């Protein structure tokens, strides 16, 4: 019998991004392992900027500069 496969646990934190041209991008995923510590959510900005560069290269249209980022609010589920 083959050994059981190990699952890799990956968790993400979602961010809403506001750009300088007043456009908005919601639910941008950032690995939770990149956050925390003394820098807080600041590493998320660098990761999202890198994602934006890749999106801009793939689409041929560069993304605008980021004005601000904030964590996407967690929706509370209603009791059944």
PDB file of N, CA and C in Angstrom:
ATOM      1  N   UNK A   1       0.841  -1.169   0.000  1.00  0.00           N
ATOM      2  CA  UNK A   1       0.000   0.000   0.000  1.00  0.00           C
ATOM      3  C   UNK A   1       0.893   1.241   0.000  1.00  0.00           C
ATOM      4  N   UNK A   2       0.515   2.227  -0.799  1.00  0.00           N
ATOM      5  CA  UNK A   2       1.297   3.461  -0.914  1.00  0.00           C
ATOM      6  C   UNK A   2       1.132   4.299   0.348  1.00  0.00           C
ATOM      7  N   UNK A   3       2.177   5.024   0.733  1.00  0.00           N
ATOM      8  CA  UNK A   3       2.051   5.896   1.906  1.00  0.00           C
ATOM      9  C   UNK A   3       1.060   7.019   1.620  1.00  0.00           C
ATOM     10  N   UNK A   4       0.406   7.528   2.645  1.00  0.00           N
ATOM     11  CA  UNK A   4      -0.563   8.612   2.417  1.00  0.00           C
ATOM     12  C   UNK A   4       0.138   9.869   1.918  1.00  0.00           C
ATOM     13  N   UNK A   5      -0.545  10.579   1.047  1.00  0.00           N
ATOM     14  CA  UNK A   5       0.015  11.824   0.515  1.00  0.00           C
ATOM     15  C   UNK A   5      -0.089  12.916   1.563  1.00  0.00           C
ATOM     16  N   UNK A   6       0.956  13.705   1.625  1.00  0.00           N
ATOM     17  CA  UNK A   6       0.943  14.820   2.574  1.00  0.00           C
ATOM     18  C   UNK A   6       0.325  16.023   1.899  1.00  0.00           C
ATOM     19  N   UNK A   7      -0.566  16.678   2.601  1.00  0.00           N
ATOM     20  CA  UNK A   7      -1.175  17.902   2.091  1.00  0.00           C
ATOM     21  C   UNK A   7      -0.327  19.089   2.534  1.00  0.00           C
ATOM     22  N   UNK A   8      -0.142  19.977   1.631  1.00  0.00           N
ATOM     23  CA  UNK A   8       0.581  21.198   1.969  1.00  0.00           C
ATOM     24  C   UNK A   8      -0.469  22.223   2.383  1.00  0.00           C
ATOM     25  N   UNK A   9      -0.370  22.666   3.612  1.00  0.00           N
ATOM     26  CA  UNK A   9      -1.306  23.671   4.120  1.00  0.00           C
ATOM     27  C   UNK A   9      -0.859  25.041   3.640  1.00  0.00           C
ATOM     28  N   UNK A  10      -1.703  25.681   2.903  1.00  0.00           N
ATOM     29  CA  UNK A  10      -1.419  27.027   2.424  1.00  0.00           C
ATOM     30  C   UNK A  10      -2.589  27.914   2.795  1.00  0.00           C
ATOM     31  N   UNK A  11      -2.300  28.960   3.526  1.00  0.00           N
ATOM     32  CA  UNK A  11      -3.361  29.894   3.857  1.00  0.00           C
ATOM     33  C   UNK A  11      -2.998  31.268   3.302  1.00  0.00           C
ATOM     34  N   UNK A  12      -4.024  31.983   2.946  1.00  0.00           N
ATOM     35  CA  UNK A  12      -3.846  33.297   2.344  1.00  0.00           C
ATOM     36  C   UNK A  12      -4.607  34.339   3.138  1.00  0.00           C
ATOM     37  N   UNK A  13      -4.143  35.564   3.021  1.00  0.00           N
ATOM     38  CA  UNK A  13      -4.847  36.717   3.562  1.00  0.00           C
ATOM     39  C   UNK A  13      -5.258  37.538   2.343  1.00  0.00           C
ATOM     40  N   UNK A  14      -6.483  38.028   2.356  1.00  0.00           N
ATOM     41  CA  UNK A  14      -7.009  38.779   1.225  1.00  0.00           C
ATOM     42  C   UNK A  14      -6.952  40.275   1.509  1.00  0.00           C
ATOM     43  N   UNK A  15      -6.596  41.034   0.473  1.00  0.00           N
ATOM     44  CA  UNK A  15      -6.466  42.484   0.598  1.00  0.00           C
ATOM     45  C   UNK A  15      -7.268  43.186  -0.487  1.00  0.00           C
ATOM     46  N   UNK A  16      -7.792  44.360  -0.140  1.00  0.00           N
ATOM     47  CA  UNK A  16      -8.415  45.257  -1.104  1.00  0.00           C
ATOM     48  C   UNK A  16      -7.382  46.332  -1.423  1.00  0.00           C
ATOM     49  N   UNK A  17      -7.246  46.642  -2.699  1.00  0.00           N
ATOM     50  CA  UNK A  17      -6.240  47.598  -3.154  1.00  0.00           C
ATOM     51  C   UNK A  17      -6.939  48.796  -3.782  1.00  0.00           C
ATOM     52  N   UNK A  18      -6.555  49.986  -3.346  1.00  0.00           N
ATOM     53  CA  UNK A  18      -7.057  51.236  -3.928  1.00  0.00           C
ATOM     54  C   UNK A  18      -5.901  51.861  -4.703  1.00  0.00           C
ATOM     55  N   UNK A  19      -6.150  52.199  -5.974  1.00  0.00           N
ATOM     56  CA  UNK A  19      -5.121  52.786  -6.822  1.00  0.00           C
ATOM     57  C   UNK A  19      -5.299  54.304  -6.900  1.00  0.00           C
ATOM     58  N   UNK A  20      -4.251  54.995  -7.346  1.00  0.00           N
ATOM     59  CA  UNK A  20      -4.273  56.457  -7.400  1.00  0.00           C
ATOM     60  C   UNK A  20      -5.300  56.993  -8.393  1.00  0.00           C
ATOM     61  N   UNK A  21      -5.707  56.186  -9.366  1.00  0.00           N
ATOM     62  CA  UNK A  21      -6.722  56.631 -10.324  1.00  0.00           C
ATOM     63  C   UNK A  21      -8.140  56.277  -9.851  1.00  0.00           C
ATOM     64  N   UNK A  22      -8.269  55.951  -8.557  1.00  0.00           N
ATOM     65  CA  UNK A  22      -9.533  55.613  -7.898  1.00  0.00           C
ATOM     66  C   UNK A  22     -10.144  54.288  -8.340  1.00  0.00           C
ATOM     67  N   UNK A  23      -9.385  53.446  -9.047  1.00  0.00           N
ATOM     68  CA  UNK A  23      -9.867  52.093  -9.309  1.00  0.00           C
ATOM     69  C   UNK A  23      -9.569  51.242  -8.082  1.00  0.00           C
ATOM     70  N   UNK A  24     -10.240  50.107  -8.016  1.00  0.00           N
ATOM     71  CA  UNK A  24     -10.115  49.251  -6.840  1.00  0.00           C
ATOM     72  C   UNK A  24      -9.996  47.807  -7.290  1.00  0.00           C
ATOM     73  N   UNK A  25      -9.199  47.031  -6.575  1.00  0.00           N
ATOM     74  CA  UNK A  25      -9.065  45.611  -6.822  1.00  0.00           C
ATOM     75  C   UNK A  25      -9.325  44.901  -5.499  1.00  0.00           C
ATOM     76  N   UNK A  26     -10.255  43.975  -5.504  1.00  0.00           N
ATOM     77  CA  UNK A  26     -10.652  43.312  -4.260  1.00  0.00           C
ATOM     78  C   UNK A  26     -10.127  41.888  -4.189  1.00  0.00           C
ATOM     79  N   UNK A  27      -9.975  41.423  -2.967  1.00  0.00           N
ATOM     80  CA  UNK A  27      -9.622  40.025  -2.682  1.00  0.00           C
ATOM     81  C   UNK A  27      -8.323  39.577  -3.331  1.00  0.00           C
ATOM     82  N   UNK A  28      -7.284  40.393  -3.228  1.00  0.00           N
ATOM     83  CA  UNK A  28      -5.963  40.010  -3.719  1.00  0.00           C
ATOM     84  C   UNK A  28      -5.320  39.104  -2.698  1.00  0.00           C
ATOM     85  N   UNK A  29      -4.848  37.930  -3.140  1.00  0.00           N
ATOM     86  CA  UNK A  29      -4.293  36.931  -2.235  1.00  0.00           C
ATOM     87  C   UNK A  29      -2.817  37.168  -1.951  1.00  0.00           C
ATOM     88  N   UNK A  30      -2.475  37.079  -0.662  1.00  0.00           N
ATOM     89  CA  UNK A  30      -1.089  37.170  -0.212  1.00  0.00           C
ATOM     90  C   UNK A  30      -0.867  36.014   0.756  1.00  0.00           C
ATOM     91  N   UNK A  31       0.220  35.249   0.602  1.00  0.00           N
ATOM     92  CA  UNK A  31       0.465  34.143   1.533  1.00  0.00           C
ATOM     93  C   UNK A  31       0.576  34.651   2.977  1.00  0.00           C
ATOM     94  N   UNK A  32      -0.111  33.971   3.878  1.00  0.00           N
ATOM     95  CA  UNK A  32      -0.113  34.375   5.289  1.00  0.00           C
ATOM     96  C   UNK A  32       1.279  34.288   5.888  1.00  0.00           C
ATOM     97  N   UNK A  33       2.120  33.405   5.369  1.00  0.00           N
ATOM     98  CA  UNK A  33       3.473  33.248   5.911  1.00  0.00           C
ATOM     99  C   UNK A  33       4.336  34.480   5.669  1.00  0.00           C
ATOM    100  N   UNK A  34       3.960  35.319   4.700  1.00  0.00           N
ATOM    101  CA  UNK A  34       4.735  36.527   4.395  1.00  0.00           C
ATOM    102  C   UNK A  34       4.397  37.682   5.324  1.00  0.00           C
ATOM    103  N   UNK A  35       3.341  37.537   6.104  1.00  0.00           N
ATOM    104  CA  UNK A  35       2.865  38.634   6.947  1.00  0.00           C
ATOM    105  C   UNK A  35       3.202  38.392   8.407  1.00  0.00           C
ATOM    106  N   UNK A  36       3.019  39.434   9.191  1.00  0.00           N
ATOM    107  CA  UNK A  36       3.253  39.317  10.626  1.00  0.00           C
ATOM    108  C   UNK A  36       4.604  39.880  11.011  1.00  0.00           C
ATOM    109  N   UNK A  37       4.998  39.614  12.215  1.00  0.00           N
ATOM    110  CA  UNK A  37       6.268  40.138  12.686  1.00  0.00           C
ATOM    111  C   UNK A  37       6.219  41.637  12.867  1.00  0.00           C
ATOM    112  N   UNK A  38       7.370  42.258  12.868  1.00  0.00           N
ATOM    113  CA  UNK A  38       7.451  43.694  13.099  1.00  0.00           C
ATOM    114  C   UNK A  38       6.945  44.520  11.916  1.00  0.00           C
ATOM    115  N   UNK A  39       6.976  43.937  10.710  1.00  0.00           N
ATOM    116  CA  UNK A  39       6.551  44.676   9.522  1.00  0.00           C
ATOM    117  C   UNK A  39       5.041  44.671   9.325  1.00  0.00           C
ATOM    118  N   UNK A  40       4.313  43.848  10.029  1.00  0.00           N
ATOM    119  CA  UNK A  40       2.857  43.803   9.892  1.00  0.00           C
ATOM    120  C   UNK A  40       2.438  43.439   8.483  1.00  0.00           C
ATOM    121  N   UNK A  41       1.601  44.284   7.874  1.00  0.00           N
ATOM    122  CA  UNK A  41       1.091  44.022   6.535  1.00  0.00           C
ATOM    123  C   UNK A  41       1.927  44.674   5.433  1.00  0.00           C
ATOM    124  N   UNK A  42       3.013  45.344   5.776  1.00  0.00           N
ATOM    125  CA  UNK A  42       3.833  46.027   4.770  1.00  0.00           C
ATOM    126  C   UNK A  42       4.365  45.072   3.694  1.00  0.00           C
ATOM    127  N   UNK A  43       4.756  43.837   4.004  1.00  0.00           N
ATOM    128  CA  UNK A  43       5.197  42.930   2.931  1.00  0.00           C
ATOM    129  C   UNK A  43       4.102  42.665   1.893  1.00  0.00           C
ATOM    130  N   UNK A  44       2.838  42.784   2.284  1.00  0.00           N
ATOM    131  CA  UNK A  44       1.736  42.562   1.341  1.00  0.00           C
ATOM    132  C   UNK A  44       1.800  43.568   0.202  1.00  0.00           C
ATOM    133  N   UNK A  45       2.150  44.806   0.498  1.00  0.00           N
ATOM    134  CA  UNK A  45       2.247  45.837  -0.548  1.00  0.00           C
ATOM    135  C   UNK A  45       3.279  45.434  -1.591  1.00  0.00           C
ATOM    136  N   UNK A  46       4.427  44.953  -1.157  1.00  0.00           N
ATOM    137  CA  UNK A  46       5.482  44.552  -2.091  1.00  0.00           C
ATOM    138  C   UNK A  46       5.039  43.357  -2.941  1.00  0.00           C
ATOM    139  N   UNK A  47       4.349  42.417  -2.322  1.00  0.00           N
ATOM    140  CA  UNK A  47       3.865  41.239  -3.052  1.00  0.00           C
ATOM    141  C   UNK A  47       2.812  41.646  -4.067  1.00  0.00           C
ATOM    142  N   UNK A  48       1.891  42.515  -3.682  1.00  0.00           N
ATOM    143  CA  UNK A  48       0.839  42.960  -4.602  1.00  0.00           C
ATOM    144  C   UNK A  48       1.439  43.802  -5.726  1.00  0.00           C
ATOM    145  N   UNK A  49       2.446  44.618  -5.426  1.00  0.00           N
ATOM    146  CA  UNK A  49       3.120  45.390  -6.478  1.00  0.00           C
ATOM    147  C   UNK A  49       3.773  44.447  -7.486  1.00  0.00           C
ATOM    148  N   UNK A  50       4.383  43.358  -7.006  1.00  0.00           N
ATOM    149  CA  UNK A  50       4.991  42.375  -7.902  1.00  0.00           C
ATOM    150  C   UNK A  50       3.919  41.690  -8.750  1.00  0.00           C
ATOM    151  N   UNK A  51       2.780  41.360  -8.140  1.00  0.00           N
ATOM    152  CA  UNK A  51       1.672  40.775  -8.890  1.00  0.00           C
ATOM    153  C   UNK A  51       1.199  41.741  -9.972  1.00  0.00           C
ATOM    154  N   UNK A  52       1.093  43.023  -9.622  1.00  0.00           N
ATOM    155  CA  UNK A  52       0.652  44.033 -10.583  1.00  0.00           C
ATOM    156  C   UNK A  52       1.622  44.154 -11.758  1.00  0.00           C
ATOM    157  N   UNK A  53       2.925  44.072 -11.480  1.00  0.00           N
ATOM    158  CA  UNK A  53       3.909  44.129 -12.568  1.00  0.00           C
ATOM    159  C   UNK A  53       3.708  42.963 -13.534  1.00  0.00           C
ATOM    160  N   UNK A  54       3.479  41.758 -12.982  1.00  0.00           N
ATOM    161  CA  UNK A  54       3.255  40.581 -13.825  1.00  0.00           C
ATOM    162  C   UNK A  54       1.965  40.728 -14.636  1.00  0.00           C
ATOM    163  N   UNK A  55       0.914  41.235 -14.008  1.00  0.00           N
ATOM    164  CA  UNK A  55      -0.355  41.447 -14.703  1.00  0.00           C
ATOM    165  C   UNK A  55      -0.168  42.462 -15.824  1.00  0.00           C
ATOM    166  N   UNK A  56       0.559  43.536 -15.542  1.00  0.00           N
ATOM    167  CA  UNK A  56       0.812  44.563 -16.544  1.00  0.00           C
ATOM    168  C   UNK A  56       1.611  44.044 -17.731  1.00  0.00           C
ATOM    169  N   UNK A  57       2.614  43.213 -17.455  1.00  0.00           N
ATOM    170  CA  UNK A  57       3.404  42.634 -18.546  1.00  0.00           C
ATOM    171  C   UNK A  57       2.561  41.687 -19.394  1.00  0.00           C
ATOM    172  N   UNK A  58       1.729  40.880 -18.746  1.00  0.00           N
ATOM    173  CA  UNK A  58       0.904  39.912 -19.467  1.00  0.00           C
ATOM    174  C   UNK A  58      -0.176  40.605 -20.300  1.00  0.00           C
ATOM    175  N   UNK A  59      -0.738  41.689 -19.768  1.00  0.00           N
ATOM    176  CA  UNK A  59      -1.839  42.355 -20.458  1.00  0.00           C
ATOM    177  C   UNK A  59      -1.371  43.441 -21.417  1.00  0.00           C
ATOM    178  N   UNK A  60      -0.133  43.904 -21.237  1.00  0.00           N
ATOM    179  CA  UNK A  60       0.366  44.998 -22.060  1.00  0.00           C
ATOM    180  C   UNK A  60      -0.067  46.366 -21.563  1.00  0.00           C
ATOM    181  N   UNK A  61      -0.776  46.402 -20.432  1.00  0.00           N
ATOM    182  CA  UNK A  61      -1.227  47.671 -19.841  1.00  0.00           C
ATOM    183  C   UNK A  61      -0.757  47.710 -18.396  1.00  0.00           C
ATOM    184  N   UNK A  62       0.179  48.611 -18.073  1.00  0.00           N
ATOM    185  CA  UNK A  62       0.672  48.673 -16.693  1.00  0.00           C
ATOM    186  C   UNK A  62      -0.419  49.091 -15.714  1.00  0.00           C
ATOM    187  N   UNK A  63      -0.370  48.531 -14.518  1.00  0.00           N
ATOM    188  CA  UNK A  63      -1.329  48.883 -13.473  1.00  0.00           C
ATOM    189  C   UNK A  63      -0.939  50.234 -12.884  1.00  0.00           C
ATOM    190  N   UNK A  64      -1.918  51.002 -12.399  1.00  0.00           N
ATOM    191  CA  UNK A  64      -1.581  52.288 -11.764  1.00  0.00           C
ATOM    192  C   UNK A  64      -0.866  52.070 -10.424  1.00  0.00           C
ATOM    193  N   UNK A  65      -0.325  53.140  -9.899  1.00  0.00           N
ATOM    194  CA  UNK A  65       0.358  53.099  -8.608  1.00  0.00           C
ATOM    195  C   UNK A  65      -0.664  52.850  -7.497  1.00  0.00           C
ATOM    196  N   UNK A  66      -0.245  52.109  -6.482  1.00  0.00           N
ATOM    197  CA  UNK A  66      -1.115  51.775  -5.355  1.00  0.00           C
ATOM    198  C   UNK A  66      -1.192  52.964  -4.402  1.00  0.00           C
ATOM    199  N   UNK A  67      -2.408  53.357  -4.054  1.00  0.00           N
ATOM    200  CA  UNK A  67      -2.611  54.411  -3.061  1.00  0.00           C
ATOM    201  C   UNK A  67      -2.615  53.789  -1.662  1.00  0.00           C
ATOM    202  N   UNK A  68      -3.412  52.733  -1.487  1.00  0.00           N
ATOM    203  CA  UNK A  68      -3.496  52.102  -0.165  1.00  0.00           C
ATOM    204  C   UNK A  68      -3.952  50.658  -0.300  1.00  0.00           C
ATOM    205  N   UNK A  69      -3.627  49.875   0.718  1.00  0.00           N
ATOM    206  CA  UNK A  69      -4.123  48.505   0.807  1.00  0.00           C
ATOM    207  C   UNK A  69      -4.745  48.319   2.182  1.00  0.00           C
ATOM    208  N   UNK A  70      -5.735  47.449   2.250  1.00  0.00           N
ATOM    209  CA  UNK A  70      -6.342  47.113   3.535  1.00  0.00           C
ATOM    210  C   UNK A  70      -6.839  45.678   3.459  1.00  0.00           C
ATOM    211  N   UNK A  71      -6.868  45.040   4.610  1.00  0.00           N
ATOM    212  CA  UNK A  71      -7.352  43.665   4.636  1.00  0.00           C
ATOM    213  C   UNK A  71      -8.831  43.636   4.275  1.00  0.00           C
ATOM    214  N   UNK A  72      -9.198  42.655   3.480  1.00  0.00           N
ATOM    215  CA  UNK A  72     -10.598  42.473   3.126  1.00  0.00           C
ATOM    216  C   UNK A  72     -11.341  42.032   4.382  1.00  0.00           C
ATOM    217  N   UNK A  73     -12.446  42.681   4.714  1.00  0.00           N
ATOM    218  CA  UNK A  73     -13.197  42.287   5.906  1.00  0.00           C
ATOM    219  C   UNK A  73     -13.700  40.848   5.788  1.00  0.00           C
ATOM    220  N   UNK A  74     -13.634  40.124   6.889  1.00  0.00           N
ATOM    221  CA  UNK A  74     -14.098  38.742   6.925  1.00  0.00           C
ATOM    222  C   UNK A  74     -15.607  38.744   7.120  1.00  0.00           C
ATOM    223  N   UNK A  75     -16.289  38.031   6.237  1.00  0.00           N
ATOM    224  CA  UNK A  75     -17.742  37.941   6.370  1.00  0.00           C
ATOM    225  C   UNK A  75     -18.071  36.898   7.412  1.00  0.00           C
ATOM    226  N   UNK A  76     -18.948  37.266   8.317  1.00  0.00           N
ATOM    227  CA  UNK A  76     -19.381  36.327   9.341  1.00  0.00           C
ATOM    228  C   UNK A  76     -20.539  35.520   8.777  1.00  0.00           C
ATOM    229  N   UNK A  77     -20.456  34.205   8.941  1.00  0.00           N
ATOM    230  CA  UNK A  77     -21.534  33.371   8.450  1.00  0.00           C
ATOM    231  C   UNK A  77     -22.708  33.402   9.419  1.00  0.00           C
ATOM    232  N   UNK A  78     -23.889  33.342   8.844  1.00  0.00           N
ATOM    233  CA  UNK A  78     -25.093  33.365   9.676  1.00  0.00           C
ATOM    234  C   UNK A  78     -25.367  31.959  10.211  1.00  0.00           C
ATOM    235  N   UNK A  79     -25.848  31.869  11.440  1.00  0.00           N
ATOM    236  CA  UNK A  79     -26.160  30.540  11.966  1.00  0.00           C
ATOM    237  C   UNK A  79     -27.309  29.914  11.186  1.00  0.00           C
ATOM    238  N   UNK A  80     -27.230  28.617  11.028  1.00  0.00           N
ATOM    239  CA  UNK A  80     -28.237  27.902  10.251  1.00  0.00           C
ATOM    240  C   UNK A  80     -29.389  27.509  11.102  1.00  0.00           C
TER     241      UNK A  80
END
